[in-house]
Amino acid sequence: ARLYLSQPAVSLSLKRLEERLGQR
């Protein structure tokens, strides 16, 4: 809501960052 994005888009961003860093 704060970023004016959809919830799936924000969840995907988090997942991509975790995959890129190899950490939860």
PDB file of all heavy atoms in Angstrom:
ATOM      1  N   ALA A   1       0.833  -1.209   0.000  1.00  0.00           N
ATOM      2  CA  ALA A   1       0.000   0.000   0.000  1.00  0.00           C
ATOM      3  C   ALA A   1       0.862   1.250   0.000  1.00  0.00           C
ATOM      4  O   ALA A   1       0.574   2.222  -0.708  1.00  0.00           O
ATOM      5  CB  ALA A   1      -0.924  -0.021   1.222  1.00  0.00           C
ATOM      6  N   ARG A   2       1.939   1.241   0.774  1.00  0.00           N
ATOM      7  CA  ARG A   2       2.821   2.415   0.854  1.00  0.00           C
ATOM      8  C   ARG A   2       3.558   2.656  -0.456  1.00  0.00           C
ATOM      9  O   ARG A   2       3.809   3.808  -0.834  1.00  0.00           O
ATOM     10  CB  ARG A   2       3.814   2.209   1.987  1.00  0.00           C
ATOM     11  CG  ARG A   2       4.829   3.326   2.163  1.00  0.00           C
ATOM     12  CD  ARG A   2       5.575   3.137   3.453  1.00  0.00           C
ATOM     13  NE  ARG A   2       6.875   3.775   3.420  1.00  0.00           N
ATOM     14  CZ  ARG A   2       7.784   3.671   4.374  1.00  0.00           C
ATOM     15  NH1 ARG A   2       7.529   2.939   5.453  1.00  0.00           N
ATOM     16  NH2 ARG A   2       8.957   4.274   4.280  1.00  0.00           N
ATOM     17  N   LEU A   3       3.908   1.574  -1.153  1.00  0.00           N
ATOM     18  CA  LEU A   3       4.657   1.688  -2.404  1.00  0.00           C
ATOM     19  C   LEU A   3       3.757   1.791  -3.626  1.00  0.00           C
ATOM     20  O   LEU A   3       4.255   1.895  -4.750  1.00  0.00           O
ATOM     21  CB  LEU A   3       5.578   0.473  -2.544  1.00  0.00           C
ATOM     22  CG  LEU A   3       6.725   0.369  -1.528  1.00  0.00           C
ATOM     23  CD1 LEU A   3       7.363  -1.009  -1.599  1.00  0.00           C
ATOM     24  CD2 LEU A   3       7.752   1.458  -1.775  1.00  0.00           C
ATOM     25  N   TYR A   4       2.435   1.724  -3.404  1.00  0.00           N
ATOM     26  CA  TYR A   4       1.472   1.763  -4.507  1.00  0.00           C
ATOM     27  C   TYR A   4       1.724   0.611  -5.485  1.00  0.00           C
ATOM     28  O   TYR A   4       1.672   0.773  -6.707  1.00  0.00           O
ATOM     29  CB  TYR A   4       1.522   3.107  -5.235  1.00  0.00           C
ATOM     30  CG  TYR A   4       1.191   4.268  -4.345  1.00  0.00           C
ATOM     31  CD1 TYR A   4       2.202   5.059  -3.823  1.00  0.00           C
ATOM     32  CD2 TYR A   4      -0.121   4.577  -4.002  1.00  0.00           C
ATOM     33  CE1 TYR A   4       1.924   6.126  -2.984  1.00  0.00           C
ATOM     34  CE2 TYR A   4      -0.421   5.635  -3.165  1.00  0.00           C
ATOM     35  CZ  TYR A   4       0.605   6.408  -2.653  1.00  0.00           C
ATOM     36  OH  TYR A   4       0.319   7.459  -1.824  1.00  0.00           O
ATOM     37  N   LEU A   5       2.006  -0.573  -4.934  1.00  0.00           N
ATOM     38  CA  LEU A   5       2.215  -1.779  -5.717  1.00  0.00           C
ATOM     39  C   LEU A   5       1.230  -2.849  -5.262  1.00  0.00           C
ATOM     40  O   LEU A   5       0.615  -2.726  -4.206  1.00  0.00           O
ATOM     41  CB  LEU A   5       3.651  -2.293  -5.538  1.00  0.00           C
ATOM     42  CG  LEU A   5       4.780  -1.383  -6.022  1.00  0.00           C
ATOM     43  CD1 LEU A   5       6.131  -1.959  -5.602  1.00  0.00           C
ATOM     44  CD2 LEU A   5       4.725  -1.207  -7.537  1.00  0.00           C
ATOM     45  N   SER A   6       1.110  -3.901  -6.058  1.00  0.00           N
ATOM     46  CA  SER A   6       0.261  -5.015  -5.639  1.00  0.00           C
ATOM     47  C   SER A   6       1.019  -5.865  -4.620  1.00  0.00           C
ATOM     48  O   SER A   6       2.248  -5.894  -4.608  1.00  0.00           O
ATOM     49  CB  SER A   6      -0.127  -5.869  -6.840  1.00  0.00           C
ATOM     50  OG  SER A   6       1.007  -6.536  -7.373  1.00  0.00           O
ATOM     51  N   GLN A   7       0.257  -6.573  -3.786  1.00  0.00           N
ATOM     52  CA  GLN A   7       0.893  -7.432  -2.793  1.00  0.00           C
ATOM     53  C   GLN A   7       1.726  -8.537  -3.446  1.00  0.00           C
ATOM     54  O   GLN A   7       2.847  -8.812  -2.996  1.00  0.00           O
ATOM     55  CB  GLN A   7      -0.157  -8.022  -1.861  1.00  0.00           C
ATOM     56  CG  GLN A   7       0.424  -8.862  -0.725  1.00  0.00           C
ATOM     57  CD  GLN A   7      -0.611  -9.238   0.299  1.00  0.00           C
ATOM     58  OE1 GLN A   7      -1.607  -8.542   0.468  1.00  0.00           O
ATOM     59  NE2 GLN A   7      -0.383 -10.333   1.000  1.00  0.00           N
ATOM     60  N   PRO A   8       1.242  -9.184  -4.513  1.00  0.00           N
ATOM     61  CA  PRO A   8       2.080 -10.204  -5.173  1.00  0.00           C
ATOM     62  C   PRO A   8       3.400  -9.629  -5.696  1.00  0.00           C
ATOM     63  O   PRO A   8       4.433 -10.304  -5.648  1.00  0.00           O
ATOM     64  CB  PRO A   8       1.191 -10.700  -6.315  1.00  0.00           C
ATOM     65  CG  PRO A   8      -0.207 -10.455  -5.826  1.00  0.00           C
ATOM     66  CD  PRO A   8      -0.127  -9.171  -5.072  1.00  0.00           C
ATOM     67  N   ALA A   9       3.375  -8.391  -6.177  1.00  0.00           N
ATOM     68  CA  ALA A   9       4.606  -7.784  -6.700  1.00  0.00           C
ATOM     69  C   ALA A   9       5.630  -7.584  -5.589  1.00  0.00           C
ATOM     70  O   ALA A   9       6.828  -7.809  -5.776  1.00  0.00           O
ATOM     71  CB  ALA A   9       4.288  -6.455  -7.381  1.00  0.00           C
ATOM     72  N   VAL A  10       5.154  -7.156  -4.411  1.00  0.00           N
ATOM     73  CA  VAL A  10       6.063  -6.950  -3.289  1.00  0.00           C
ATOM     74  C   VAL A  10       6.589  -8.291  -2.787  1.00  0.00           C
ATOM     75  O   VAL A  10       7.782  -8.427  -2.469  1.00  0.00           O
ATOM     76  CB  VAL A  10       5.347  -6.178  -2.162  1.00  0.00           C
ATOM     77  CG1 VAL A  10       6.226  -6.099  -0.910  1.00  0.00           C
ATOM     78  CG2 VAL A  10       4.994  -4.769  -2.639  1.00  0.00           C
ATOM     79  N   SER A  11       5.731  -9.289  -2.710  1.00  0.00           N
ATOM     80  CA  SER A  11       6.168 -10.630  -2.296  1.00  0.00           C
ATOM     81  C   SER A  11       7.221 -11.180  -3.258  1.00  0.00           C
ATOM     82  O   SER A  11       8.207 -11.801  -2.836  1.00  0.00           O
ATOM     83  CB  SER A  11       4.978 -11.586  -2.229  1.00  0.00           C
ATOM     84  OG  SER A  11       4.056 -11.201  -1.228  1.00  0.00           O
ATOM     85  N   LEU A  12       7.021 -10.944  -4.550  1.00  0.00           N
ATOM     86  CA  LEU A  12       7.978 -11.416  -5.547  1.00  0.00           C
ATOM     87  C   LEU A  12       9.318 -10.704  -5.387  1.00  0.00           C
ATOM     88  O   LEU A  12      10.383 -11.323  -5.512  1.00  0.00           O
ATOM     89  CB  LEU A  12       7.419 -11.185  -6.948  1.00  0.00           C
ATOM     90  CG  LEU A  12       8.331 -11.618  -8.115  1.00  0.00           C
ATOM     91  CD1 LEU A  12       8.636 -13.114  -8.017  1.00  0.00           C
ATOM     92  CD2 LEU A  12       7.678 -11.283  -9.448  1.00  0.00           C
ATOM     93  N   SER A  13       9.284  -9.416  -5.094  1.00  0.00           N
ATOM     94  CA  SER A  13      10.529  -8.668  -4.882  1.00  0.00           C
ATOM     95  C   SER A  13      11.309  -9.241  -3.709  1.00  0.00           C
ATOM     96  O   SER A  13      12.531  -9.383  -3.767  1.00  0.00           O
ATOM     97  CB  SER A  13      10.223  -7.190  -4.645  1.00  0.00           C
ATOM     98  OG  SER A  13       9.687  -6.584  -5.795  1.00  0.00           O
ATOM     99  N   LEU A  14      10.595  -9.547  -2.625  1.00  0.00           N
ATOM    100  CA  LEU A  14      11.253 -10.139  -1.459  1.00  0.00           C
ATOM    101  C   LEU A  14      11.867 -11.491  -1.819  1.00  0.00           C
ATOM    102  O   LEU A  14      13.022 -11.787  -1.451  1.00  0.00           O
ATOM    103  CB  LEU A  14      10.248 -10.301  -0.322  1.00  0.00           C
ATOM    104  CG  LEU A  14      10.752 -11.033   0.924  1.00  0.00           C
ATOM    105  CD1 LEU A  14      11.943 -10.304   1.539  1.00  0.00           C
ATOM    106  CD2 LEU A  14       9.624 -11.173   1.941  1.00  0.00           C
ATOM    107  N   LYS A  15      11.117 -12.292  -2.551  1.00  0.00           N
ATOM    108  CA  LYS A  15      11.616 -13.608  -2.945  1.00  0.00           C
ATOM    109  C   LYS A  15      12.852 -13.486  -3.832  1.00  0.00           C
ATOM    110  O   LYS A  15      13.847 -14.219  -3.663  1.00  0.00           O
ATOM    111  CB  LYS A  15      10.517 -14.372  -3.686  1.00  0.00           C
ATOM    112  CG  LYS A  15      10.935 -15.766  -4.125  1.00  0.00           C
ATOM    113  CD  LYS A  15       9.789 -16.463  -4.855  1.00  0.00           C
ATOM    114  CE  LYS A  15      10.220 -17.854  -5.335  1.00  0.00           C
ATOM    115  NZ  LYS A  15       9.133 -18.540  -6.073  1.00  0.00           N
ATOM    116  N   ARG A  16      12.838 -12.566  -4.775  1.00  0.00           N
ATOM    117  CA  ARG A  16      13.981 -12.370  -5.671  1.00  0.00           C
ATOM    118  C   ARG A  16      15.211 -11.914  -4.895  1.00  0.00           C
ATOM    119  O   ARG A  16      16.334 -12.369  -5.164  1.00  0.00           O
ATOM    120  CB  ARG A  16      13.627 -11.336  -6.748  1.00  0.00           C
ATOM    121  CG  ARG A  16      12.647 -11.825  -7.797  1.00  0.00           C
ATOM    122  CD  ARG A  16      12.297 -10.706  -8.756  1.00  0.00           C
ATOM    123  NE  ARG A  16      13.487 -10.159  -9.405  1.00  0.00           N
ATOM    124  CZ  ARG A  16      13.531  -8.984 -10.014  1.00  0.00           C
ATOM    125  NH1 ARG A  16      12.432  -8.206 -10.028  1.00  0.00           N
ATOM    126  NH2 ARG A  16      14.630  -8.559 -10.591  1.00  0.00           N
ATOM    127  N   LEU A  17      15.027 -11.029  -3.916  1.00  0.00           N
ATOM    128  CA  LEU A  17      16.164 -10.560  -3.119  1.00  0.00           C
ATOM    129  C   LEU A  17      16.747 -11.705  -2.300  1.00  0.00           C
ATOM    130  O   LEU A  17      17.974 -11.862  -2.215  1.00  0.00           O
ATOM    131  CB  LEU A  17      15.723  -9.413  -2.207  1.00  0.00           C
ATOM    132  CG  LEU A  17      16.826  -8.791  -1.339  1.00  0.00           C
ATOM    133  CD1 LEU A  17      17.939  -8.201  -2.213  1.00  0.00           C
ATOM    134  CD2 LEU A  17      16.240  -7.718  -0.431  1.00  0.00           C
ATOM    135  N   GLU A  18      15.883 -12.511  -1.703  1.00  0.00           N
ATOM    136  CA  GLU A  18      16.358 -13.652  -0.911  1.00  0.00           C
ATOM    137  C   GLU A  18      17.110 -14.647  -1.790  1.00  0.00           C
ATOM    138  O   GLU A  18      18.163 -15.177  -1.394  1.00  0.00           O
ATOM    139  CB  GLU A  18      15.177 -14.330  -0.213  1.00  0.00           C
ATOM    140  CG  GLU A  18      14.578 -13.490   0.916  1.00  0.00           C
ATOM    141  CD  GLU A  18      13.385 -14.156   1.567  1.00  0.00           C
ATOM    142  OE1 GLU A  18      12.655 -14.891   0.859  1.00  0.00           O
ATOM    143  OE2 GLU A  18      13.172 -13.938   2.770  1.00  0.00           O
ATOM    144  N   GLU A  19      16.594 -14.886  -2.994  1.00  0.00           N
ATOM    145  CA  GLU A  19      17.264 -15.820  -3.901  1.00  0.00           C
ATOM    146  C   GLU A  19      18.606 -15.266  -4.358  1.00  0.00           C
ATOM    147  O   GLU A  19      19.597 -16.003  -4.460  1.00  0.00           O
ATOM    148  CB  GLU A  19      16.372 -16.088  -5.116  1.00  0.00           C
ATOM    149  CG  GLU A  19      15.130 -16.898  -4.786  1.00  0.00           C
ATOM    150  CD  GLU A  19      14.203 -17.035  -5.993  1.00  0.00           C
ATOM    151  OE1 GLU A  19      14.400 -16.290  -6.983  1.00  0.00           O
ATOM    152  OE2 GLU A  19      13.267 -17.864  -5.932  1.00  0.00           O
ATOM    153  N   ARG A  20      18.651 -13.958  -4.600  1.00  0.00           N
ATOM    154  CA  ARG A  20      19.905 -13.349  -5.073  1.00  0.00           C
ATOM    155  C   ARG A  20      20.972 -13.386  -3.982  1.00  0.00           C
ATOM    156  O   ARG A  20      22.160 -13.582  -4.269  1.00  0.00           O
ATOM    157  CB  ARG A  20      19.640 -11.892  -5.499  1.00  0.00           C
ATOM    158  CG  ARG A  20      20.821 -11.251  -6.184  1.00  0.00           C
ATOM    159  CD  ARG A  20      21.073 -11.892  -7.528  1.00  0.00           C
ATOM    160  NE  ARG A  20      22.290 -11.396  -8.154  1.00  0.00           N
ATOM    161  CZ  ARG A  20      23.501 -11.897  -7.952  1.00  0.00           C
ATOM    162  NH1 ARG A  20      23.661 -12.919  -7.124  1.00  0.00           N
ATOM    163  NH2 ARG A  20      24.542 -11.411  -8.585  1.00  0.00           N
ATOM    164  N   LEU A  21      20.569 -13.214  -2.727  1.00  0.00           N
ATOM    165  CA  LEU A  21      21.522 -13.201  -1.618  1.00  0.00           C
ATOM    166  C   LEU A  21      21.747 -14.591  -1.034  1.00  0.00           C
ATOM    167  O   LEU A  21      22.675 -14.792  -0.249  1.00  0.00           O
ATOM    168  CB  LEU A  21      21.032 -12.256  -0.516  1.00  0.00           C
ATOM    169  CG  LEU A  21      20.919 -10.777  -0.902  1.00  0.00           C
ATOM    170  CD1 LEU A  21      20.321  -9.975   0.248  1.00  0.00           C
ATOM    171  CD2 LEU A  21      22.285 -10.214  -1.286  1.00  0.00           C
ATOM    172  N   GLY A  22      20.882 -15.546  -1.378  1.00  0.00           N
ATOM    173  CA  GLY A  22      21.023 -16.893  -0.864  1.00  0.00           C
ATOM    174  C   GLY A  22      20.734 -17.001   0.621  1.00  0.00           C
ATOM    175  O   GLY A  22      21.272 -17.885   1.305  1.00  0.00           O
ATOM    176  N   GLN A  23      19.887 -16.120   1.133  1.00  0.00           N
ATOM    177  CA  GLN A  23      19.562 -16.114   2.555  1.00  0.00           C
ATOM    178  C   GLN A  23      18.080 -15.843   2.754  1.00  0.00           C
ATOM    179  O   GLN A  23      17.463 -15.088   1.991  1.00  0.00           O
ATOM    180  CB  GLN A  23      20.348 -15.011   3.298  1.00  0.00           C
ATOM    181  CG  GLN A  23      21.853 -15.206   3.326  1.00  0.00           C
ATOM    182  CD  GLN A  23      22.267 -16.224   4.358  1.00  0.00           C
ATOM    183  OE1 GLN A  23      21.469 -16.642   5.192  1.00  0.00           O
ATOM    184  NE2 GLN A  23      23.535 -16.632   4.317  1.00  0.00           N
ATOM    185  N   ARG A  24      17.514 -16.447   3.797  1.00  0.00           N
ATOM    186  CA  ARG A  24      16.140 -16.123   4.202  1.00  0.00           C
ATOM    187  C   ARG A  24      16.196 -14.828   4.996  1.00  0.00           C
ATOM    188  O   ARG A  24      16.918 -14.733   5.999  1.00  0.00           O
ATOM    189  CB  ARG A  24      15.568 -17.256   5.062  1.00  0.00           C
ATOM    190  CG  ARG A  24      14.099 -17.097   5.403  1.00  0.00           C
ATOM    191  CD  ARG A  24      13.223 -17.294   4.164  1.00  0.00           C
ATOM    192  NE  ARG A  24      11.812 -17.217   4.486  1.00  0.00           N
ATOM    193  CZ  ARG A  24      11.083 -18.263   4.868  1.00  0.00           C
ATOM    194  NH1 ARG A  24      11.648 -19.465   4.992  1.00  0.00           N
ATOM    195  NH2 ARG A  24       9.800 -18.121   5.125  1.00  0.00           N
TER     196      ARG A  24
END
